[in-house]
Amino acid sequence: MRVAALQMNSGTEPGPNLDQLERLATEAAGRGATYLLSPEVSVVFAENRDGLRAVAGPWEDNPAIARVAATARRLGVNLHLGSLAVALPDGRFANRSVLFRPDGSIAATYDKIHLFDATLPGLRHYRESETYAGGIEAVVTDAPGFALGMTICYDVRFPRLHRALAEAGAEVISVPSAFTVPTGEAHWEVLLRARAIETGAWVIAAAQAGRHQNGRSTWGHSMIVDPWGKVVAELDGDGPGIAIADVDLKAVGEARGKVPALDNARPFSVTVTGSGAPVAAREDVSA
């Protein structure tokens, strides 16, 4: 089973971004990929909330959704739109991932749960929660021959989500992203490999890359990681490209059989000594 991570350099207008996505998808399908993942904010990588509001539409009758569906149908592939901004009635947006079947119908959607509110040295403040509404539901869905757990970017820092997806049957986990350069350089690969190792799942990470029209720079380095934590395909950080790998689902069972961390997890309590009362017992969700 051949899969592809489509690395993009999205700008502030939907048209050119969708052109870029279609070109990459067509090339990947021509190379035999049947599941294709694009990055976070594939459709619009806006400069600010006002710029996003000017171009991002509601879910109903969304022209970007219609065009990506048509591309999936034309190519006969499972085309996973890493994410697009969907306008909500309260003035905020959902950061929504959408998986299209080969007939262009929608198999599943997922709204990004964890919002990137952070301050990085030398960079501006990031406050996704001021623009986006966080999702509340994790999603595992049937993809082309495997169970797919859906995440978006900052979600990769939360092991509990990935364990929950694996426990729900996910064999492959998607990580469409737009990582900053400082965090990407420091954490991108190690986080992706850690999520693969602790879940025994394939990880497919499609990233934004390079200097963007909105003035931001993203890390790129889209990659595909096997369930043992080995990077089997990787791009650089300069701009658009395609990372392709053949996914063998037997590797999932083999990795989970060698180190059955999902089965071996035990509940435990945490005791804080000196200044606090014991914390109530909770489910062990760390690796």
C-alpha atoms as a PDB file:
ATOM      1  CA  MET A   1       0.000   0.000   0.000  1.00  0.00           C
ATOM      2  CA  ARG A   2       1.636   3.242  -1.121  1.00  0.00           C
ATOM      3  CA  VAL A   3       1.054   6.498   0.751  1.00  0.00           C
ATOM      4  CA  ALA A   4       2.253  10.044   0.145  1.00  0.00           C
ATOM      5  CA  ALA A   5       2.839  13.135   2.261  1.00  0.00           C
ATOM      6  CA  LEU A   6       2.375  16.240   0.124  1.00  0.00           C
ATOM      7  CA  GLN A   7       4.603  19.095   1.280  1.00  0.00           C
ATOM      8  CA  MET A   8       3.304  22.547   0.353  1.00  0.00           C
ATOM      9  CA  ASN A   9       4.126  26.233   0.541  1.00  0.00           C
ATOM     10  CA  SER A  10       0.649  27.707   0.907  1.00  0.00           C
ATOM     11  CA  GLY A  11      -0.103  31.399   0.461  1.00  0.00           C
ATOM     12  CA  THR A  12      -2.942  33.702   1.419  1.00  0.00           C
ATOM     13  CA  GLU A  13      -5.304  32.982  -1.501  1.00  0.00           C
ATOM     14  CA  PRO A  14      -7.145  29.695  -2.028  1.00  0.00           C
ATOM     15  CA  GLY A  15      -6.823  29.463  -5.820  1.00  0.00           C
ATOM     16  CA  PRO A  16      -3.040  29.097  -6.144  1.00  0.00           C
ATOM     17  CA  ASN A  17      -2.926  26.806  -3.106  1.00  0.00           C
ATOM     18  CA  LEU A  18      -5.518  24.481  -4.587  1.00  0.00           C
ATOM     19  CA  ASP A  19      -3.595  24.521  -7.885  1.00  0.00           C
ATOM     20  CA  GLN A  20      -0.456  23.470  -5.986  1.00  0.00           C
ATOM     21  CA  LEU A  21      -2.321  20.750  -4.108  1.00  0.00           C
ATOM     22  CA  GLU A  22      -3.784  19.373  -7.322  1.00  0.00           C
ATOM     23  CA  ARG A  23      -0.371  19.268  -9.047  1.00  0.00           C
ATOM     24  CA  LEU A  24       1.221  17.422  -6.127  1.00  0.00           C
ATOM     25  CA  ALA A  25      -1.704  15.020  -5.800  1.00  0.00           C
ATOM     26  CA  THR A  26      -1.620  14.238  -9.513  1.00  0.00           C
ATOM     27  CA  GLU A  27       2.107  13.496  -9.367  1.00  0.00           C
ATOM     28  CA  ALA A  28       1.765  11.334  -6.257  1.00  0.00           C
ATOM     29  CA  ALA A  29      -1.107   9.355  -7.765  1.00  0.00           C
ATOM     30  CA  GLY A  30       0.977   8.871 -10.899  1.00  0.00           C
ATOM     31  CA  ARG A  31       3.678   7.340  -8.694  1.00  0.00           C
ATOM     32  CA  GLY A  32       1.196   4.811  -7.331  1.00  0.00           C
ATOM     33  CA  ALA A  33       0.083   6.406  -4.059  1.00  0.00           C
ATOM     34  CA  THR A  34      -3.497   5.596  -3.058  1.00  0.00           C
ATOM     35  CA  TYR A  35      -3.598   7.632   0.179  1.00  0.00           C
ATOM     36  CA  LEU A  36      -2.398  11.229  -0.067  1.00  0.00           C
ATOM     37  CA  LEU A  37      -2.093  13.653   2.876  1.00  0.00           C
ATOM     38  CA  SER A  38      -1.656  17.413   2.511  1.00  0.00           C
ATOM     39  CA  PRO A  39      -0.444  19.794   5.281  1.00  0.00           C
ATOM     40  CA  GLU A  40      -2.288  21.863   7.839  1.00  0.00           C
ATOM     41  CA  VAL A  41      -3.846  25.070   6.398  1.00  0.00           C
ATOM     42  CA  SER A  42      -3.446  23.736   2.859  1.00  0.00           C
ATOM     43  CA  VAL A  43      -6.183  25.941   1.420  1.00  0.00           C
ATOM     44  CA  VAL A  44      -5.276  29.279   3.061  1.00  0.00           C
ATOM     45  CA  PHE A  45      -2.288  30.252   5.194  1.00  0.00           C
ATOM     46  CA  ALA A  46      -3.535  33.706   6.171  1.00  0.00           C
ATOM     47  CA  GLU A  47      -1.512  36.554   7.641  1.00  0.00           C
ATOM     48  CA  ASN A  48      -4.012  37.246  10.424  1.00  0.00           C
ATOM     49  CA  ARG A  49      -7.623  36.731  11.469  1.00  0.00           C
ATOM     50  CA  ASP A  50      -8.914  39.479   9.184  1.00  0.00           C
ATOM     51  CA  GLY A  51      -7.136  37.918   6.230  1.00  0.00           C
ATOM     52  CA  LEU A  52      -8.590  34.542   7.098  1.00  0.00           C
ATOM     53  CA  ARG A  53     -12.082  35.953   7.462  1.00  0.00           C
ATOM     54  CA  ALA A  54     -11.858  37.453   3.975  1.00  0.00           C
ATOM     55  CA  VAL A  55     -11.270  34.123   2.232  1.00  0.00           C
ATOM     56  CA  ALA A  56     -12.438  31.255   4.499  1.00  0.00           C
ATOM     57  CA  GLY A  57     -16.025  30.166   3.983  1.00  0.00           C
ATOM     58  CA  PRO A  58     -18.510  28.084   5.974  1.00  0.00           C
ATOM     59  CA  TRP A  59     -18.730  24.323   5.645  1.00  0.00           C
ATOM     60  CA  GLU A  60     -21.866  24.318   3.500  1.00  0.00           C
ATOM     61  CA  ASP A  61     -21.252  24.837  -0.226  1.00  0.00           C
ATOM     62  CA  ASN A  62     -17.551  25.442   0.379  1.00  0.00           C
ATOM     63  CA  PRO A  63     -15.819  25.784  -3.012  1.00  0.00           C
ATOM     64  CA  ALA A  64     -12.487  24.483  -1.690  1.00  0.00           C
ATOM     65  CA  ILE A  65     -14.175  21.318  -0.431  1.00  0.00           C
ATOM     66  CA  ALA A  66     -15.851  20.846  -3.801  1.00  0.00           C
ATOM     67  CA  ARG A  67     -12.575  21.242  -5.675  1.00  0.00           C
ATOM     68  CA  VAL A  68     -10.611  18.812  -3.516  1.00  0.00           C
ATOM     69  CA  ALA A  69     -13.463  16.310  -3.794  1.00  0.00           C
ATOM     70  CA  ALA A  70     -13.296  16.636  -7.584  1.00  0.00           C
ATOM     71  CA  THR A  71      -9.532  16.041  -7.494  1.00  0.00           C
ATOM     72  CA  ALA A  72      -9.966  12.876  -5.406  1.00  0.00           C
ATOM     73  CA  ARG A  73     -12.626  11.671  -7.829  1.00  0.00           C
ATOM     74  CA  ARG A  74     -10.545  12.445 -10.931  1.00  0.00           C
ATOM     75  CA  LEU A  75      -7.481  10.660  -9.554  1.00  0.00           C
ATOM     76  CA  GLY A  76      -9.410   7.822  -7.891  1.00  0.00           C
ATOM     77  CA  VAL A  77      -7.474   8.176  -4.622  1.00  0.00           C
ATOM     78  CA  ASN A  78      -8.109   8.706  -0.942  1.00  0.00           C
ATOM     79  CA  LEU A  79      -7.168  12.379  -0.710  1.00  0.00           C
ATOM     80  CA  HIS A  80      -6.770  13.680   2.834  1.00  0.00           C
ATOM     81  CA  LEU A  81      -6.951  17.462   3.047  1.00  0.00           C
ATOM     82  CA  GLY A  82      -4.734  18.064   6.064  1.00  0.00           C
ATOM     83  CA  SER A  83      -6.775  21.036   7.149  1.00  0.00           C
ATOM     84  CA  LEU A  84      -8.651  24.127   6.097  1.00  0.00           C
ATOM     85  CA  ALA A  85     -10.244  26.914   8.097  1.00  0.00           C
ATOM     86  CA  VAL A  86     -14.040  26.655   8.250  1.00  0.00           C
ATOM     87  CA  ALA A  87     -15.993  29.749   9.305  1.00  0.00           C
ATOM     88  CA  LEU A  88     -18.220  29.211  12.367  1.00  0.00           C
ATOM     89  CA  PRO A  89     -21.320  31.214  13.378  1.00  0.00           C
ATOM     90  CA  ASP A  90     -19.542  32.773  16.397  1.00  0.00           C
ATOM     91  CA  GLY A  91     -16.914  34.461  14.214  1.00  0.00           C
ATOM     92  CA  ARG A  92     -14.187  31.929  14.928  1.00  0.00           C
ATOM     93  CA  PHE A  93     -13.028  29.051  12.734  1.00  0.00           C
ATOM     94  CA  ALA A  94     -12.651  25.297  12.920  1.00  0.00           C
ATOM     95  CA  ASN A  95      -9.260  23.944  11.858  1.00  0.00           C
ATOM     96  CA  ARG A  96     -10.733  20.948  10.058  1.00  0.00           C
ATOM     97  CA  SER A  97      -9.133  17.895   8.466  1.00  0.00           C
ATOM     98  CA  VAL A  98     -11.159  16.162   5.738  1.00  0.00           C
ATOM     99  CA  LEU A  99     -10.645  12.690   4.248  1.00  0.00           C
ATOM    100  CA  PHE A 100     -12.140  12.146   0.772  1.00  0.00           C
ATOM    101  CA  ARG A 101     -12.834   8.736  -0.716  1.00  0.00           C
ATOM    102  CA  PRO A 102     -11.909   7.914  -4.346  1.00  0.00           C
ATOM    103  CA  ASP A 103     -15.457   8.774  -5.420  1.00  0.00           C
ATOM    104  CA  GLY A 104     -15.132  12.275  -3.924  1.00  0.00           C
ATOM    105  CA  SER A 105     -17.407  11.641  -0.963  1.00  0.00           C
ATOM    106  CA  ILE A 106     -16.286  12.550   2.548  1.00  0.00           C
ATOM    107  CA  ALA A 107     -15.212   9.623   4.722  1.00  0.00           C
ATOM    108  CA  ALA A 108     -14.457  11.574   7.901  1.00  0.00           C
ATOM    109  CA  THR A 109     -13.641  14.978   9.349  1.00  0.00           C
ATOM    110  CA  TYR A 110     -11.655  15.996  12.419  1.00  0.00           C
ATOM    111  CA  ASP A 111     -11.403  19.382  14.147  1.00  0.00           C
ATOM    112  CA  LYS A 112      -8.035  20.153  15.747  1.00  0.00           C
ATOM    113  CA  ILE A 113      -8.325  19.635  19.504  1.00  0.00           C
ATOM    114  CA  HIS A 114      -5.162  21.244  20.869  1.00  0.00           C
ATOM    115  CA  LEU A 115      -4.658  24.903  19.950  1.00  0.00           C
ATOM    116  CA  PHE A 116      -1.183  26.415  19.717  1.00  0.00           C
ATOM    117  CA  ASP A 117      -1.007  29.147  22.364  1.00  0.00           C
ATOM    118  CA  ALA A 118       2.702  29.743  22.873  1.00  0.00           C
ATOM    119  CA  THR A 119       5.397  32.377  22.980  1.00  0.00           C
ATOM    120  CA  LEU A 120       8.668  31.511  21.258  1.00  0.00           C
ATOM    121  CA  PRO A 121      11.901  33.437  21.849  1.00  0.00           C
ATOM    122  CA  GLY A 122      12.477  35.976  19.104  1.00  0.00           C
ATOM    123  CA  LEU A 123       9.088  35.373  17.495  1.00  0.00           C
ATOM    124  CA  ARG A 124       5.639  36.827  17.928  1.00  0.00           C
ATOM    125  CA  HIS A 125       3.030  35.348  20.248  1.00  0.00           C
ATOM    126  CA  TYR A 126       0.929  32.532  18.833  1.00  0.00           C
ATOM    127  CA  ARG A 127      -2.659  32.459  20.082  1.00  0.00           C
ATOM    128  CA  GLU A 128      -4.677  30.029  17.994  1.00  0.00           C
ATOM    129  CA  SER A 129      -7.456  30.074  20.570  1.00  0.00           C
ATOM    130  CA  GLU A 130      -8.233  33.693  19.650  1.00  0.00           C
ATOM    131  CA  THR A 131      -9.054  32.618  16.090  1.00  0.00           C
ATOM    132  CA  TYR A 132     -10.023  28.958  16.270  1.00  0.00           C
ATOM    133  CA  ALA A 133     -12.457  26.883  18.313  1.00  0.00           C
ATOM    134  CA  GLY A 134     -10.864  23.659  19.524  1.00  0.00           C
ATOM    135  CA  GLY A 135     -12.442  20.348  18.656  1.00  0.00           C
ATOM    136  CA  ILE A 136     -13.726  17.982  21.310  1.00  0.00           C
ATOM    137  CA  GLU A 137     -13.768  14.585  19.555  1.00  0.00           C
ATOM    138  CA  ALA A 138     -10.936  12.289  18.477  1.00  0.00           C
ATOM    139  CA  VAL A 139     -11.510  10.371  15.240  1.00  0.00           C
ATOM    140  CA  VAL A 140     -10.503   6.954  13.916  1.00  0.00           C
ATOM    141  CA  THR A 141     -11.865   6.089  10.474  1.00  0.00           C
ATOM    142  CA  ASP A 142     -11.536   3.512   7.720  1.00  0.00           C
ATOM    143  CA  ALA A 143      -9.025   4.636   5.105  1.00  0.00           C
ATOM    144  CA  PRO A 144      -7.753   2.576   2.127  1.00  0.00           C
ATOM    145  CA  GLY A 145      -7.213  -0.720   3.897  1.00  0.00           C
ATOM    146  CA  PHE A 146      -6.202   0.619   7.303  1.00  0.00           C
ATOM    147  CA  ALA A 147      -7.671   2.310  10.354  1.00  0.00           C
ATOM    148  CA  LEU A 148      -6.628   5.963  10.376  1.00  0.00           C
ATOM    149  CA  GLY A 149      -6.297   8.133  13.471  1.00  0.00           C
ATOM    150  CA  MET A 150      -6.574  11.832  12.630  1.00  0.00           C
ATOM    151  CA  THR A 151      -4.574  14.615  14.303  1.00  0.00           C
ATOM    152  CA  ILE A 152      -3.346  18.093  13.338  1.00  0.00           C
ATOM    153  CA  CYS A 153       0.040  19.706  14.087  1.00  0.00           C
ATOM    154  CA  TYR A 154       0.169  20.776  17.778  1.00  0.00           C
ATOM    155  CA  ASP A 155      -1.745  17.605  18.675  1.00  0.00           C
ATOM    156  CA  VAL A 156       1.568  15.770  18.200  1.00  0.00           C
ATOM    157  CA  ARG A 157       2.722  17.055  21.612  1.00  0.00           C
ATOM    158  CA  PHE A 158      -0.082  15.246  23.436  1.00  0.00           C
ATOM    159  CA  PRO A 159       0.635  11.517  23.895  1.00  0.00           C
ATOM    160  CA  ARG A 160      -2.749  10.877  25.502  1.00  0.00           C
ATOM    161  CA  LEU A 161      -4.541  11.622  22.231  1.00  0.00           C
ATOM    162  CA  HIS A 162      -2.315   9.260  20.259  1.00  0.00           C
ATOM    163  CA  ARG A 163      -2.671   6.465  22.790  1.00  0.00           C
ATOM    164  CA  ALA A 164      -6.443   6.870  22.658  1.00  0.00           C
ATOM    165  CA  LEU A 165      -6.362   6.629  18.861  1.00  0.00           C
ATOM    166  CA  ALA A 166      -4.200   3.492  18.993  1.00  0.00           C
ATOM    167  CA  GLU A 167      -6.411   1.898  21.627  1.00  0.00           C
ATOM    168  CA  ALA A 168      -9.397   2.623  19.372  1.00  0.00           C
ATOM    169  CA  GLY A 169      -7.714   0.642  16.595  1.00  0.00           C
ATOM    170  CA  ALA A 170      -5.664   3.192  14.638  1.00  0.00           C
ATOM    171  CA  GLU A 171      -2.891   1.573  12.602  1.00  0.00           C
ATOM    172  CA  VAL A 172      -1.832   4.793  10.872  1.00  0.00           C
ATOM    173  CA  ILE A 173      -1.839   8.300  12.363  1.00  0.00           C
ATOM    174  CA  SER A 174      -1.938  11.428  10.197  1.00  0.00           C
ATOM    175  CA  VAL A 175      -0.092  14.576  11.293  1.00  0.00           C
ATOM    176  CA  PRO A 176      -0.716  17.446   8.846  1.00  0.00           C
ATOM    177  CA  SER A 177       1.321  20.374  10.147  1.00  0.00           C
ATOM    178  CA  ALA A 178       2.689  23.896   9.798  1.00  0.00           C
ATOM    179  CA  PHE A 179       5.518  23.789  12.349  1.00  0.00           C
ATOM    180  CA  THR A 180       7.551  26.910  13.053  1.00  0.00           C
ATOM    181  CA  VAL A 181      11.238  26.707  12.205  1.00  0.00           C
ATOM    182  CA  PRO A 182      12.516  26.872  15.827  1.00  0.00           C
ATOM    183  CA  THR A 183      10.132  24.209  17.132  1.00  0.00           C
ATOM    184  CA  GLY A 184      10.566  22.101  14.024  1.00  0.00           C
ATOM    185  CA  GLU A 185      14.324  22.103  14.248  1.00  0.00           C
ATOM    186  CA  ALA A 186      14.214  21.185  17.939  1.00  0.00           C
ATOM    187  CA  HIS A 187      11.268  18.796  18.200  1.00  0.00           C
ATOM    188  CA  TRP A 188       9.668  17.734  14.894  1.00  0.00           C
ATOM    189  CA  GLU A 189      11.432  14.451  14.197  1.00  0.00           C
ATOM    190  CA  VAL A 190      11.717  13.324  17.801  1.00  0.00           C
ATOM    191  CA  LEU A 191       8.004  13.934  18.440  1.00  0.00           C
ATOM    192  CA  LEU A 192       6.917  12.043  15.328  1.00  0.00           C
ATOM    193  CA  ARG A 193       9.184   9.116  16.083  1.00  0.00           C
ATOM    194  CA  ALA A 194       8.047   9.050  19.714  1.00  0.00           C
ATOM    195  CA  ARG A 195       4.372   8.958  18.718  1.00  0.00           C
ATOM    196  CA  ALA A 196       5.077   6.073  16.324  1.00  0.00           C
ATOM    197  CA  ILE A 197       7.084   4.137  18.898  1.00  0.00           C
ATOM    198  CA  GLU A 198       4.642   4.485  21.771  1.00  0.00           C
ATOM    199  CA  THR A 199       1.598   3.565  19.665  1.00  0.00           C
ATOM    200  CA  GLY A 200       3.184   1.013  17.336  1.00  0.00           C
ATOM    201  CA  ALA A 201       1.527   2.830  14.441  1.00  0.00           C
ATOM    202  CA  TRP A 202       2.671   4.298  11.155  1.00  0.00           C
ATOM    203  CA  VAL A 203       2.890   8.095  11.274  1.00  0.00           C
ATOM    204  CA  ILE A 204       2.404  10.158   8.121  1.00  0.00           C
ATOM    205  CA  ALA A 205       3.325  13.822   8.565  1.00  0.00           C
ATOM    206  CA  ALA A 206       2.738  16.313   5.741  1.00  0.00           C
ATOM    207  CA  ALA A 207       4.153  19.761   6.434  1.00  0.00           C
ATOM    208  CA  GLN A 208       4.189  23.308   5.185  1.00  0.00           C
ATOM    209  CA  ALA A 209       7.712  24.352   4.153  1.00  0.00           C
ATOM    210  CA  GLY A 210       9.697  27.485   3.376  1.00  0.00           C
ATOM    211  CA  ARG A 211       9.006  31.212   3.448  1.00  0.00           C
ATOM    212  CA  HIS A 212       5.316  32.021   2.985  1.00  0.00           C
ATOM    213  CA  GLN A 213       3.376  34.905   1.514  1.00  0.00           C
ATOM    214  CA  ASN A 214       2.149  35.827   5.008  1.00  0.00           C
ATOM    215  CA  GLY A 215       5.715  36.392   6.191  1.00  0.00           C
ATOM    216  CA  ARG A 216       6.018  33.221   8.231  1.00  0.00           C
ATOM    217  CA  SER A 217       8.548  30.460   7.706  1.00  0.00           C
ATOM    218  CA  THR A 218       7.761  26.807   8.328  1.00  0.00           C
ATOM    219  CA  TRP A 219      10.046  23.853   8.954  1.00  0.00           C
ATOM    220  CA  GLY A 220       8.915  21.355   6.327  1.00  0.00           C
ATOM    221  CA  HIS A 221      10.703  17.985   6.551  1.00  0.00           C
ATOM    222  CA  SER A 222       7.550  16.013   5.813  1.00  0.00           C
ATOM    223  CA  MET A 223       8.156  12.409   6.765  1.00  0.00           C
ATOM    224  CA  ILE A 224       6.739   8.937   7.075  1.00  0.00           C
ATOM    225  CA  VAL A 225       7.715   6.903  10.147  1.00  0.00           C
ATOM    226  CA  ASP A 226       7.215   3.175  10.606  1.00  0.00           C
ATOM    227  CA  PRO A 227       5.804   1.598  13.820  1.00  0.00           C
ATOM    228  CA  TRP A 228       9.307   0.862  15.137  1.00  0.00           C
ATOM    229  CA  GLY A 229      10.214   4.552  14.892  1.00  0.00           C
ATOM    230  CA  LYS A 230      12.291   4.402  11.706  1.00  0.00           C
ATOM    231  CA  VAL A 231      12.000   7.324   9.279  1.00  0.00           C
ATOM    232  CA  VAL A 232      11.356   5.681   5.911  1.00  0.00           C
ATOM    233  CA  ALA A 233      10.791   8.841   3.842  1.00  0.00           C
ATOM    234  CA  GLU A 234      11.700  12.487   4.442  1.00  0.00           C
ATOM    235  CA  LEU A 235      11.876  15.768   2.544  1.00  0.00           C
ATOM    236  CA  ASP A 236      13.926  18.882   3.237  1.00  0.00           C
ATOM    237  CA  GLY A 237      12.553  22.228   4.375  1.00  0.00           C
ATOM    238  CA  ASP A 238      12.875  24.292   1.206  1.00  0.00           C
ATOM    239  CA  GLY A 239       9.415  24.042  -0.353  1.00  0.00           C
ATOM    240  CA  PRO A 240       6.895  21.766  -2.068  1.00  0.00           C
ATOM    241  CA  GLY A 241       7.586  18.082  -2.625  1.00  0.00           C
ATOM    242  CA  ILE A 242       6.302  14.554  -2.130  1.00  0.00           C
ATOM    243  CA  ALA A 243       7.405  11.927   0.401  1.00  0.00           C
ATOM    244  CA  ILE A 244       6.285   8.433  -0.605  1.00  0.00           C
ATOM    245  CA  ALA A 245       6.522   5.085   1.158  1.00  0.00           C
ATOM    246  CA  ASP A 246       4.976   1.630   0.984  1.00  0.00           C
ATOM    247  CA  VAL A 247       3.079   0.860   4.186  1.00  0.00           C
ATOM    248  CA  ASP A 248       3.082  -2.725   5.424  1.00  0.00           C
ATOM    249  CA  LEU A 249       0.435  -3.146   8.101  1.00  0.00           C
ATOM    250  CA  LYS A 250       2.115  -6.317   9.369  1.00  0.00           C
ATOM    251  CA  ALA A 251       4.698  -3.985  10.894  1.00  0.00           C
ATOM    252  CA  VAL A 252       2.009  -2.670  13.265  1.00  0.00           C
ATOM    253  CA  GLY A 253       1.367  -6.071  14.815  1.00  0.00           C
ATOM    254  CA  GLU A 254       5.075  -6.857  14.899  1.00  0.00           C
ATOM    255  CA  ALA A 255       5.946  -3.638  16.741  1.00  0.00           C
ATOM    256  CA  ARG A 256       3.096  -4.010  19.220  1.00  0.00           C
ATOM    257  CA  GLY A 257       4.043  -7.641  19.784  1.00  0.00           C
ATOM    258  CA  LYS A 258       7.682  -6.856  20.526  1.00  0.00           C
ATOM    259  CA  VAL A 259       6.869  -4.085  23.006  1.00  0.00           C
ATOM    260  CA  PRO A 260       3.189  -4.362  24.082  1.00  0.00           C
ATOM    261  CA  ALA A 261       3.064  -0.959  25.757  1.00  0.00           C
ATOM    262  CA  LEU A 262      -0.603  -0.481  24.903  1.00  0.00           C
ATOM    263  CA  ASP A 263      -1.497  -3.685  26.727  1.00  0.00           C
ATOM    264  CA  ASN A 264       0.906  -3.160  29.606  1.00  0.00           C
ATOM    265  CA  ALA A 265      -0.388   0.253  30.706  1.00  0.00           C
ATOM    266  CA  ARG A 266      -1.626   0.276  34.314  1.00  0.00           C
ATOM    267  CA  PRO A 267      -3.696   2.737  36.322  1.00  0.00           C
ATOM    268  CA  PHE A 268      -1.844   4.607  39.028  1.00  0.00           C
ATOM    269  CA  SER A 269      -2.216   7.481  41.444  1.00  0.00           C
ATOM    270  CA  VAL A 270       0.070  10.450  41.930  1.00  0.00           C
ATOM    271  CA  THR A 271       1.080  11.589  45.387  1.00  0.00           C
ATOM    272  CA  VAL A 272       2.348  15.128  45.825  1.00  0.00           C
ATOM    273  CA  THR A 273       4.411  15.285  49.009  1.00  0.00           C
ATOM    274  CA  GLY A 274       4.947  18.293  51.188  1.00  0.00           C
ATOM    275  CA  SER A 275       2.369  20.735  49.918  1.00  0.00           C
ATOM    276  CA  GLY A 276      -0.605  18.938  48.452  1.00  0.00           C
ATOM    277  CA  ALA A 277      -3.068  16.123  48.861  1.00  0.00           C
ATOM    278  CA  PRO A 278      -2.823  12.929  46.787  1.00  0.00           C
ATOM    279  CA  VAL A 279      -4.241  13.235  43.298  1.00  0.00           C
ATOM    280  CA  ALA A 280      -7.086  10.850  42.514  1.00  0.00           C
ATOM    281  CA  ALA A 281      -6.262   7.688  40.601  1.00  0.00           C
ATOM    282  CA  ARG A 282      -6.434   8.115  36.846  1.00  0.00           C
ATOM    283  CA  GLU A 283      -5.855   5.991  33.789  1.00  0.00           C
ATOM    284  CA  ASP A 284      -2.234   5.696  32.738  1.00  0.00           C
ATOM    285  CA  VAL A 285      -2.078   7.296  29.303  1.00  0.00           C
ATOM    286  CA  SER A 286       1.662   7.896  29.036  1.00  0.00           C
ATOM    287  CA  ALA A 287       4.148   5.664  27.237  1.00  0.00           C
END
